[in-house]
Each structure stands twice: as structure tokens, then as C-alpha cells.
Amino acid sequence: MQQEHERVSATLTPDAVAERLERMILDGVFRPGQLLPSERRLCERLGVSRTSLREGLRVLRSKGIIVTRQGRGSEVAELVAGRDDSPLMHLFRDHPRTLYDLLEVRSLLEGESARLAAERATPADRVLIQRRYEAMAEYVEAGQAIDVERLALLDHAFHLAICQASHNPVLVHTLQSLTDLLLSSVFASVKNLYHRERPRTMINRQHARLYRAVMEGKPQAARRAALDHLHGIESQLREIEAEDQRLERSAMRLDEWG
């Protein structure tokens, strides 16, 4: 049996080894910036010889998919050039009106990712989604003062775990390429809504509804829950914006009579 395994491994070309590693990267097993496991562990996982593995890694380096640094090993390169540092991304971040555009894009992407996650999530995916949800829920229920940035990170991690369970690499990498922008929308939601009881209750219930639908394998319910969550946030933010504008107009009228 061992000899048969070695014969199978020996037939794998460097390109075949590289293709298997590429698939793992596309599937989110190894993410941008993440160090790859040791050669020994990769050889065991892929069932290949160390020589075949090294040749396969050389193929990935030539494509710019991994970067090898002396003394650190190999890590997955940033797959989307520039990521959030492009001039366009700076414009998006610096103009608040794009928040609503971003929520609209999130609805398009996350509604579908929730539906696919409910259909395709593996037991391992569900474990990760459960961990992310429970970490967020436990922090909220702890009763301590909310750190907006920390809660935003927990919230984003929950939604990202659902997206990864969609097993659609293009969808996952599209959302990951917008990480900073997505975090900014989550941060805005938490900062502006979470100190208000009604929106806070709404967000918590919607997260719980989304979590249950994905975990119970209900695709349409998961999609509906994701859409209702994002539409609810947009509606609440617009309501607050309108209220602020009314207060500003009232203050201006008072100044005129002062």
C-alpha cells in the first residue's frame, strides 16, 4: 500500500502539485498573507515527495501567487493588486455617501453568499461560523462598554465566515479585496446604531436569524435574512441622517431669532 502511494505521488508533475495548492488558495484554505505550513506537513497533506513539492512551490513563485522570505518560509501573496490602497478606494473611504452604495453592493454579494453557504457549508464550515457567531454574541451579552472597533471586527468575521462557506472562490476573494471598505461600513453601523436600543435589538435579532438559517441549511431563508439585515441597517442610518438634518435646520432657525 505504501509503495502504491509513493508511485502515485511520483507521477505528480510540478504543475499538478501547483494546481492543487492553487485550488486550496482559491478555496480559502490558505489566505493572502498567511504562511504556508512546513514542507513536511504539506508533503503529508498532498501525498507528494519533498522534491515534487519544492518544484510546485517554484511554479507558484513564478506566477507571483506565493512569496518566499528568508527565514520565514512561503506565504500567500496579496492576490488583488493594491487592495484598499488605490486612489479609488481612498475616494470611497473619504466620502460618506458611498456608505449606502457599499451597503447595496453588500446586499448583492452577501445575500447570495448566505444562500450558497446554507446549501454548501461543510461540518467544518459550520463549526467556524458557530465560533464566529458565539464570539460576537458573547461580547455583546457581556454587559460591558462596547468597543466599537472590536465589535466591528467580530461582526465582520461572522459575515466573512458565512461567505467562505459559499465555496465560491470568486465571491470570497471579491469580498476579501474590499475588506477595509466592508469594515468601514460595519464600523459605521456599530458606531451610529449600537448605542440606540431599537437598532441594537434589530441587529442582534437579524444576526441570530441569519445564523440559524445558514446552520439549519435553509438557503432562501438565509438569503432573506442577509438582505433584511443590510436593508434594515440602511434604513436606520438614513433615519438618523434625516433626524440630524432636521436638528440642524432647527438650530439654524433658532440662530436667526437669536
C-alpha atoms as a PDB file:
ATOM      1  CA  MET A   1       0.000   0.000   0.000  1.00  0.00           C
ATOM      2  CA  GLN A   2       2.833   2.378   0.895  1.00  0.00           C
ATOM      3  CA  GLN A   3       4.624   1.560  -2.370  1.00  0.00           C
ATOM      4  CA  GLU A   4       1.421   2.257  -4.329  1.00  0.00           C
ATOM      5  CA  HIS A   5       1.091   5.655  -2.572  1.00  0.00           C
ATOM      6  CA  GLU A   6       4.697   6.506  -3.455  1.00  0.00           C
ATOM      7  CA  ARG A   7       4.111   5.565  -7.110  1.00  0.00           C
ATOM      8  CA  VAL A   8       1.030   7.806  -7.258  1.00  0.00           C
ATOM      9  CA  SER A   9       2.958  10.670  -5.659  1.00  0.00           C
ATOM     10  CA  ALA A  10       5.856  10.243  -8.027  1.00  0.00           C
ATOM     11  CA  THR A  11       3.576  10.707 -11.036  1.00  0.00           C
ATOM     12  CA  LEU A  12       2.527  14.204  -9.950  1.00  0.00           C
ATOM     13  CA  THR A  13       4.269  16.843 -12.046  1.00  0.00           C
ATOM     14  CA  PRO A  14       5.286  20.213 -10.569  1.00  0.00           C
ATOM     15  CA  ASP A  15       2.344  21.773 -12.420  1.00  0.00           C
ATOM     16  CA  ALA A  16      -0.040  19.236 -10.868  1.00  0.00           C
ATOM     17  CA  VAL A  17       1.292  19.981  -7.373  1.00  0.00           C
ATOM     18  CA  ALA A  18       0.996  23.719  -8.068  1.00  0.00           C
ATOM     19  CA  GLU A  19      -2.578  23.252  -9.306  1.00  0.00           C
ATOM     20  CA  ARG A  20      -3.595  21.502  -6.084  1.00  0.00           C
ATOM     21  CA  LEU A  21      -2.070  24.292  -3.998  1.00  0.00           C
ATOM     22  CA  GLU A  22      -3.780  26.904  -6.167  1.00  0.00           C
ATOM     23  CA  ARG A  23      -7.122  25.214  -5.555  1.00  0.00           C
ATOM     24  CA  MET A  24      -6.516  25.332  -1.801  1.00  0.00           C
ATOM     25  CA  ILE A  25      -5.732  29.051  -2.048  1.00  0.00           C
ATOM     26  CA  LEU A  26      -8.837  29.696  -4.155  1.00  0.00           C
ATOM     27  CA  ASP A  27     -10.941  27.759  -1.648  1.00  0.00           C
ATOM     28  CA  GLY A  28      -9.646  29.945   1.177  1.00  0.00           C
ATOM     29  CA  VAL A  29      -7.707  27.162   2.928  1.00  0.00           C
ATOM     30  CA  PHE A  30      -4.652  29.417   2.658  1.00  0.00           C
ATOM     31  CA  ARG A  31      -5.441  33.136   2.614  1.00  0.00           C
ATOM     32  CA  PRO A  32      -3.463  36.195   1.409  1.00  0.00           C
ATOM     33  CA  GLY A  33      -0.681  36.999   3.871  1.00  0.00           C
ATOM     34  CA  GLN A  34      -0.894  33.580   5.533  1.00  0.00           C
ATOM     35  CA  LEU A  35       2.247  31.488   5.957  1.00  0.00           C
ATOM     36  CA  LEU A  36       2.068  28.080   4.306  1.00  0.00           C
ATOM     37  CA  PRO A  37       2.594  25.059   6.573  1.00  0.00           C
ATOM     38  CA  SER A  38       6.040  23.464   6.730  1.00  0.00           C
ATOM     39  CA  GLU A  39       7.249  21.379   3.805  1.00  0.00           C
ATOM     40  CA  ARG A  40       6.833  18.213   5.862  1.00  0.00           C
ATOM     41  CA  ARG A  41       3.186  18.978   6.646  1.00  0.00           C
ATOM     42  CA  LEU A  42       2.422  19.977   3.072  1.00  0.00           C
ATOM     43  CA  CYS A  43       4.025  16.779   1.762  1.00  0.00           C
ATOM     44  CA  GLU A  44       1.869  14.727   4.134  1.00  0.00           C
ATOM     45  CA  ARG A  45      -1.276  16.647   3.253  1.00  0.00           C
ATOM     46  CA  LEU A  46      -0.769  16.438  -0.512  1.00  0.00           C
ATOM     47  CA  GLY A  47       0.805  12.984  -0.528  1.00  0.00           C
ATOM     48  CA  VAL A  48       3.818  14.128  -2.567  1.00  0.00           C
ATOM     49  CA  SER A  49       7.578  13.944  -2.207  1.00  0.00           C
ATOM     50  CA  ARG A  50       9.573  16.930  -0.949  1.00  0.00           C
ATOM     51  CA  THR A  51      11.180  17.312  -4.375  1.00  0.00           C
ATOM     52  CA  SER A  52       7.774  17.478  -6.115  1.00  0.00           C
ATOM     53  CA  LEU A  53       6.524  19.961  -3.529  1.00  0.00           C
ATOM     54  CA  ARG A  54       9.507  22.275  -3.959  1.00  0.00           C
ATOM     55  CA  GLU A  55       9.085  22.241  -7.727  1.00  0.00           C
ATOM     56  CA  GLY A  56       5.397  23.023  -7.324  1.00  0.00           C
ATOM     57  CA  LEU A  57       6.174  25.920  -4.989  1.00  0.00           C
ATOM     58  CA  ARG A  58       8.651  27.222  -7.555  1.00  0.00           C
ATOM     59  CA  VAL A  59       5.825  27.288 -10.128  1.00  0.00           C
ATOM     60  CA  LEU A  60       3.652  29.324  -7.733  1.00  0.00           C
ATOM     61  CA  ARG A  61       6.505  31.760  -7.064  1.00  0.00           C
ATOM     62  CA  SER A  62       6.997  32.294 -10.784  1.00  0.00           C
ATOM     63  CA  LYS A  63       3.307  33.243 -11.056  1.00  0.00           C
ATOM     64  CA  GLY A  64       3.529  35.617  -8.085  1.00  0.00           C
ATOM     65  CA  ILE A  65       0.974  33.583  -6.120  1.00  0.00           C
ATOM     66  CA  ILE A  66       3.332  32.973  -3.179  1.00  0.00           C
ATOM     67  CA  VAL A  67       6.261  34.949  -1.805  1.00  0.00           C
ATOM     68  CA  THR A  68       9.205  33.296  -0.064  1.00  0.00           C
ATOM     69  CA  ARG A  69      11.225  35.242   2.506  1.00  0.00           C
ATOM     70  CA  GLN A  70      14.482  34.078   4.010  1.00  0.00           C
ATOM     71  CA  GLY A  71      13.941  32.670   7.472  1.00  0.00           C
ATOM     72  CA  ARG A  72      10.145  32.982   7.276  1.00  0.00           C
ATOM     73  CA  GLY A  73       9.103  30.473   4.674  1.00  0.00           C
ATOM     74  CA  SER A  74       6.475  30.986   1.966  1.00  0.00           C
ATOM     75  CA  GLU A  75       3.271  32.961   2.304  1.00  0.00           C
ATOM     76  CA  VAL A  76       0.331  33.593   0.012  1.00  0.00           C
ATOM     77  CA  ALA A  77       0.750  36.882  -1.854  1.00  0.00           C
ATOM     78  CA  GLU A  78      -1.881  39.606  -1.932  1.00  0.00           C
ATOM     79  CA  LEU A  79      -3.981  38.331  -4.815  1.00  0.00           C
ATOM     80  CA  VAL A  80      -5.704  41.621  -5.615  1.00  0.00           C
ATOM     81  CA  ALA A  81      -3.129  44.242  -6.564  1.00  0.00           C
ATOM     82  CA  GLY A  82      -3.192  47.287  -4.338  1.00  0.00           C
ATOM     83  CA  ARG A  83      -6.215  46.018  -2.420  1.00  0.00           C
ATOM     84  CA  ASP A  84      -7.570  49.010  -0.485  1.00  0.00           C
ATOM     85  CA  ASP A  85      -4.699  51.425  -1.196  1.00  0.00           C
ATOM     86  CA  SER A  86      -5.781  52.552  -4.655  1.00  0.00           C
ATOM     87  CA  PRO A  87      -6.868  56.187  -5.242  1.00  0.00           C
ATOM     88  CA  LEU A  88     -10.414  54.928  -5.908  1.00  0.00           C
ATOM     89  CA  MET A  89     -10.530  53.224  -2.500  1.00  0.00           C
ATOM     90  CA  HIS A  90      -9.359  56.427  -0.806  1.00  0.00           C
ATOM     91  CA  LEU A  91     -12.164  58.330  -2.536  1.00  0.00           C
ATOM     92  CA  PHE A  92     -14.701  55.763  -1.383  1.00  0.00           C
ATOM     93  CA  ARG A  93     -13.474  55.973   2.220  1.00  0.00           C
ATOM     94  CA  ASP A  94     -13.376  59.769   2.301  1.00  0.00           C
ATOM     95  CA  HIS A  95     -16.927  60.362   1.027  1.00  0.00           C
ATOM     96  CA  PRO A  96     -19.665  59.157   3.404  1.00  0.00           C
ATOM     97  CA  ARG A  97     -22.334  58.986   0.675  1.00  0.00           C
ATOM     98  CA  THR A  98     -20.613  55.881  -0.677  1.00  0.00           C
ATOM     99  CA  LEU A  99     -21.668  54.066   2.517  1.00  0.00           C
ATOM    100  CA  TYR A 100     -25.116  53.476   1.007  1.00  0.00           C
ATOM    101  CA  ASP A 101     -23.575  52.329  -2.271  1.00  0.00           C
ATOM    102  CA  LEU A 102     -21.446  49.895  -0.285  1.00  0.00           C
ATOM    103  CA  LEU A 103     -24.453  48.547   1.620  1.00  0.00           C
ATOM    104  CA  GLU A 104     -26.125  47.993  -1.756  1.00  0.00           C
ATOM    105  CA  VAL A 105     -23.117  46.016  -3.015  1.00  0.00           C
ATOM    106  CA  ARG A 106     -23.019  44.046   0.235  1.00  0.00           C
ATOM    107  CA  SER A 107     -26.667  43.115  -0.304  1.00  0.00           C
ATOM    108  CA  LEU A 108     -25.882  41.790  -3.781  1.00  0.00           C
ATOM    109  CA  LEU A 109     -22.882  39.761  -2.633  1.00  0.00           C
ATOM    110  CA  GLU A 110     -23.786  38.699   0.903  1.00  0.00           C
ATOM    111  CA  GLY A 111     -27.362  37.747   0.097  1.00  0.00           C
ATOM    112  CA  GLU A 112     -26.092  35.227  -2.428  1.00  0.00           C
ATOM    113  CA  SER A 113     -23.195  34.064  -0.250  1.00  0.00           C
ATOM    114  CA  ALA A 114     -25.631  33.351   2.601  1.00  0.00           C
ATOM    115  CA  ARG A 115     -27.843  31.318   0.263  1.00  0.00           C
ATOM    116  CA  LEU A 116     -24.882  29.313  -1.035  1.00  0.00           C
ATOM    117  CA  ALA A 117     -23.483  28.825   2.470  1.00  0.00           C
ATOM    118  CA  ALA A 118     -26.779  27.311   3.619  1.00  0.00           C
ATOM    119  CA  GLU A 119     -26.591  24.905   0.658  1.00  0.00           C
ATOM    120  CA  ARG A 120     -22.888  24.068   0.663  1.00  0.00           C
ATOM    121  CA  ALA A 121     -21.464  24.514   4.170  1.00  0.00           C
ATOM    122  CA  THR A 122     -19.478  21.516   5.390  1.00  0.00           C
ATOM    123  CA  PRO A 123     -19.406  20.452   9.058  1.00  0.00           C
ATOM    124  CA  ALA A 124     -16.062  22.281   9.385  1.00  0.00           C
ATOM    125  CA  ASP A 125     -17.596  25.445   7.880  1.00  0.00           C
ATOM    126  CA  ARG A 126     -20.457  25.288  10.377  1.00  0.00           C
ATOM    127  CA  VAL A 127     -18.013  24.940  13.271  1.00  0.00           C
ATOM    128  CA  LEU A 128     -16.229  28.119  12.157  1.00  0.00           C
ATOM    129  CA  ILE A 129     -19.499  30.021  11.625  1.00  0.00           C
ATOM    130  CA  GLN A 130     -20.650  28.927  15.086  1.00  0.00           C
ATOM    131  CA  ARG A 131     -17.394  30.097  16.675  1.00  0.00           C
ATOM    132  CA  ARG A 132     -17.580  33.480  14.951  1.00  0.00           C
ATOM    133  CA  TYR A 133     -21.225  33.975  15.873  1.00  0.00           C
ATOM    134  CA  GLU A 134     -20.746  32.943  19.501  1.00  0.00           C
ATOM    135  CA  ALA A 135     -17.691  35.198  19.893  1.00  0.00           C
ATOM    136  CA  MET A 136     -19.746  38.157  18.638  1.00  0.00           C
ATOM    137  CA  ALA A 137     -22.853  37.279  20.684  1.00  0.00           C
ATOM    138  CA  GLU A 138     -20.884  36.668  23.897  1.00  0.00           C
ATOM    139  CA  TYR A 139     -19.132  40.018  23.568  1.00  0.00           C
ATOM    140  CA  VAL A 140     -22.462  41.788  23.088  1.00  0.00           C
ATOM    141  CA  GLU A 141     -24.091  39.959  26.008  1.00  0.00           C
ATOM    142  CA  ALA A 142     -21.183  40.533  28.399  1.00  0.00           C
ATOM    143  CA  GLY A 143     -22.775  43.785  29.511  1.00  0.00           C
ATOM    144  CA  GLN A 144     -19.567  45.784  29.352  1.00  0.00           C
ATOM    145  CA  ALA A 145     -18.983  49.026  27.481  1.00  0.00           C
ATOM    146  CA  ILE A 146     -18.868  48.272  23.760  1.00  0.00           C
ATOM    147  CA  ASP A 147     -15.567  48.868  21.974  1.00  0.00           C
ATOM    148  CA  VAL A 148     -16.835  49.869  18.524  1.00  0.00           C
ATOM    149  CA  GLU A 149     -13.748  48.706  16.646  1.00  0.00           C
ATOM    150  CA  ARG A 150     -13.654  45.326  18.376  1.00  0.00           C
ATOM    151  CA  LEU A 151     -17.344  44.654  17.771  1.00  0.00           C
ATOM    152  CA  ALA A 152     -16.970  45.707  14.134  1.00  0.00           C
ATOM    153  CA  LEU A 153     -14.154  43.156  13.707  1.00  0.00           C
ATOM    154  CA  LEU A 154     -16.245  40.407  15.340  1.00  0.00           C
ATOM    155  CA  ASP A 155     -19.241  41.322  13.176  1.00  0.00           C
ATOM    156  CA  HIS A 156     -17.138  41.291  10.001  1.00  0.00           C
ATOM    157  CA  ALA A 157     -15.550  37.931  10.928  1.00  0.00           C
ATOM    158  CA  PHE A 158     -19.028  36.385  11.289  1.00  0.00           C
ATOM    159  CA  HIS A 159     -20.143  37.581   7.850  1.00  0.00           C
ATOM    160  CA  LEU A 160     -16.830  36.536   6.278  1.00  0.00           C
ATOM    161  CA  ALA A 161     -17.145  33.006   7.715  1.00  0.00           C
ATOM    162  CA  ILE A 162     -20.538  32.707   6.014  1.00  0.00           C
ATOM    163  CA  CYS A 163     -19.084  33.968   2.746  1.00  0.00           C
ATOM    164  CA  GLN A 164     -16.224  31.439   2.908  1.00  0.00           C
ATOM    165  CA  ALA A 165     -18.784  28.661   3.392  1.00  0.00           C
ATOM    166  CA  SER A 166     -20.278  29.544  -0.004  1.00  0.00           C
ATOM    167  CA  HIS A 167     -17.328  27.705  -1.601  1.00  0.00           C
ATOM    168  CA  ASN A 168     -17.339  30.210  -4.455  1.00  0.00           C
ATOM    169  CA  PRO A 169     -13.711  31.401  -4.698  1.00  0.00           C
ATOM    170  CA  VAL A 170     -14.529  34.438  -6.856  1.00  0.00           C
ATOM    171  CA  LEU A 171     -17.177  35.599  -4.393  1.00  0.00           C
ATOM    172  CA  VAL A 172     -14.850  35.084  -1.417  1.00  0.00           C
ATOM    173  CA  HIS A 173     -11.913  36.914  -2.984  1.00  0.00           C
ATOM    174  CA  THR A 174     -14.148  39.739  -4.217  1.00  0.00           C
ATOM    175  CA  LEU A 175     -15.332  40.367  -0.661  1.00  0.00           C
ATOM    176  CA  GLN A 176     -11.830  39.954   0.773  1.00  0.00           C
ATOM    177  CA  SER A 177     -10.487  42.504  -1.718  1.00  0.00           C
ATOM    178  CA  LEU A 178     -12.918  45.025  -0.189  1.00  0.00           C
ATOM    179  CA  THR A 179     -12.001  44.208   3.418  1.00  0.00           C
ATOM    180  CA  ASP A 180     -11.230  47.774   4.539  1.00  0.00           C
ATOM    181  CA  LEU A 181     -14.329  49.188   2.880  1.00  0.00           C
ATOM    182  CA  LEU A 182     -16.528  46.440   4.312  1.00  0.00           C
ATOM    183  CA  LEU A 183     -15.088  47.060   7.760  1.00  0.00           C
ATOM    184  CA  SER A 184     -15.803  50.764   7.361  1.00  0.00           C
ATOM    185  CA  SER A 185     -19.468  50.008   6.673  1.00  0.00           C
ATOM    186  CA  VAL A 186     -19.668  47.669   9.679  1.00  0.00           C
ATOM    187  CA  PHE A 187     -17.871  50.265  11.828  1.00  0.00           C
ATOM    188  CA  ALA A 188     -20.346  52.961  10.735  1.00  0.00           C
ATOM    189  CA  SER A 189     -23.276  50.673  11.559  1.00  0.00           C
ATOM    190  CA  VAL A 190     -21.956  49.825  15.028  1.00  0.00           C
ATOM    191  CA  LYS A 191     -20.893  53.392  15.843  1.00  0.00           C
ATOM    192  CA  ASN A 192     -24.147  55.035  14.772  1.00  0.00           C
ATOM    193  CA  LEU A 193     -26.679  52.371  15.704  1.00  0.00           C
ATOM    194  CA  TYR A 194     -25.451  50.185  18.526  1.00  0.00           C
ATOM    195  CA  HIS A 195     -25.881  52.734  21.329  1.00  0.00           C
ATOM    196  CA  ARG A 196     -29.581  53.039  20.397  1.00  0.00           C
ATOM    197  CA  GLU A 197     -31.787  50.332  21.864  1.00  0.00           C
ATOM    198  CA  ARG A 198     -34.137  49.741  18.930  1.00  0.00           C
ATOM    199  CA  PRO A 199     -31.449  49.394  16.218  1.00  0.00           C
ATOM    200  CA  ARG A 200     -29.268  47.325  18.576  1.00  0.00           C
ATOM    201  CA  THR A 201     -32.104  44.875  19.218  1.00  0.00           C
ATOM    202  CA  MET A 202     -32.838  44.740  15.488  1.00  0.00           C
ATOM    203  CA  ILE A 203     -29.211  43.953  14.571  1.00  0.00           C
ATOM    204  CA  ASN A 204     -28.878  41.245  17.244  1.00  0.00           C
ATOM    205  CA  ARG A 205     -32.103  39.536  16.141  1.00  0.00           C
ATOM    206  CA  GLN A 206     -31.132  39.711  12.472  1.00  0.00           C
ATOM    207  CA  HIS A 207     -27.713  38.178  13.173  1.00  0.00           C
ATOM    208  CA  ALA A 208     -29.385  35.357  15.113  1.00  0.00           C
ATOM    209  CA  ARG A 209     -31.887  34.786  12.291  1.00  0.00           C
ATOM    210  CA  LEU A 210     -29.113  34.683   9.673  1.00  0.00           C
ATOM    211  CA  TYR A 211     -27.054  32.316  11.815  1.00  0.00           C
ATOM    212  CA  ARG A 212     -29.949  29.895  12.311  1.00  0.00           C
ATOM    213  CA  ALA A 213     -30.894  29.866   8.626  1.00  0.00           C
ATOM    214  CA  VAL A 214     -27.348  29.039   7.498  1.00  0.00           C
ATOM    215  CA  MET A 215     -26.767  26.452  10.226  1.00  0.00           C
ATOM    216  CA  GLU A 216     -30.117  24.757   9.509  1.00  0.00           C
ATOM    217  CA  GLY A 217     -29.383  24.606   5.770  1.00  0.00           C
ATOM    218  CA  LYS A 218     -32.244  26.859   4.629  1.00  0.00           C
ATOM    219  CA  PRO A 219     -30.945  28.705   1.514  1.00  0.00           C
ATOM    220  CA  GLN A 220     -33.862  31.052   0.804  1.00  0.00           C
ATOM    221  CA  ALA A 221     -34.329  31.911   4.468  1.00  0.00           C
ATOM    222  CA  ALA A 222     -30.593  32.661   4.742  1.00  0.00           C
ATOM    223  CA  ARG A 223     -30.691  34.948   1.705  1.00  0.00           C
ATOM    224  CA  ARG A 224     -33.767  36.747   3.023  1.00  0.00           C
ATOM    225  CA  ALA A 225     -32.177  37.160   6.464  1.00  0.00           C
ATOM    226  CA  ALA A 226     -28.985  38.641   4.967  1.00  0.00           C
ATOM    227  CA  LEU A 227     -30.948  41.072   2.807  1.00  0.00           C
ATOM    228  CA  ASP A 228     -33.259  42.121   5.638  1.00  0.00           C
ATOM    229  CA  HIS A 229     -30.220  42.707   7.853  1.00  0.00           C
ATOM    230  CA  LEU A 230     -28.492  45.029   5.365  1.00  0.00           C
ATOM    231  CA  HIS A 231     -31.688  46.807   4.308  1.00  0.00           C
ATOM    232  CA  GLY A 232     -32.542  47.343   7.973  1.00  0.00           C
ATOM    233  CA  ILE A 233     -29.148  48.915   8.650  1.00  0.00           C
ATOM    234  CA  GLU A 234     -29.515  51.222   5.643  1.00  0.00           C
ATOM    235  CA  SER A 235     -32.997  52.257   6.723  1.00  0.00           C
ATOM    236  CA  GLN A 236     -31.849  53.033  10.279  1.00  0.00           C
ATOM    237  CA  LEU A 237     -28.826  55.025   9.072  1.00  0.00           C
ATOM    238  CA  ARG A 238     -30.977  57.072   6.710  1.00  0.00           C
ATOM    239  CA  GLU A 239     -33.433  57.739   9.526  1.00  0.00           C
ATOM    240  CA  ILE A 240     -30.619  59.018  11.767  1.00  0.00           C
ATOM    241  CA  GLU A 241     -29.255  61.149   8.923  1.00  0.00           C
ATOM    242  CA  ALA A 242     -32.681  62.712   8.350  1.00  0.00           C
ATOM    243  CA  GLU A 243     -33.046  63.353  12.086  1.00  0.00           C
ATOM    244  CA  ASP A 244     -29.659  65.088  12.203  1.00  0.00           C
ATOM    245  CA  GLN A 245     -30.647  67.271   9.257  1.00  0.00           C
ATOM    246  CA  ARG A 246     -33.907  68.240  10.988  1.00  0.00           C
ATOM    247  CA  LEU A 247     -31.998  69.177  14.153  1.00  0.00           C
ATOM    248  CA  GLU A 248     -29.526  71.215  12.119  1.00  0.00           C
ATOM    249  CA  ARG A 249     -32.323  73.133  10.405  1.00  0.00           C
ATOM    250  CA  SER A 250     -33.996  73.788  13.747  1.00  0.00           C
ATOM    251  CA  ALA A 251     -30.738  75.082  15.197  1.00  0.00           C
ATOM    252  CA  MET A 252     -30.285  77.411  12.220  1.00  0.00           C
ATOM    253  CA  ARG A 253     -33.777  78.834  12.719  1.00  0.00           C
ATOM    254  CA  LEU A 254     -33.015  79.454  16.390  1.00  0.00           C
ATOM    255  CA  ASP A 255     -29.830  81.286  15.428  1.00  0.00           C
ATOM    256  CA  GLU A 256     -31.838  83.546  13.096  1.00  0.00           C
ATOM    257  CA  TRP A 257     -34.079  84.553  16.019  1.00  0.00           C
ATOM    258  CA  GLY A 258     -31.215  84.844  18.488  1.00  0.00           C
END
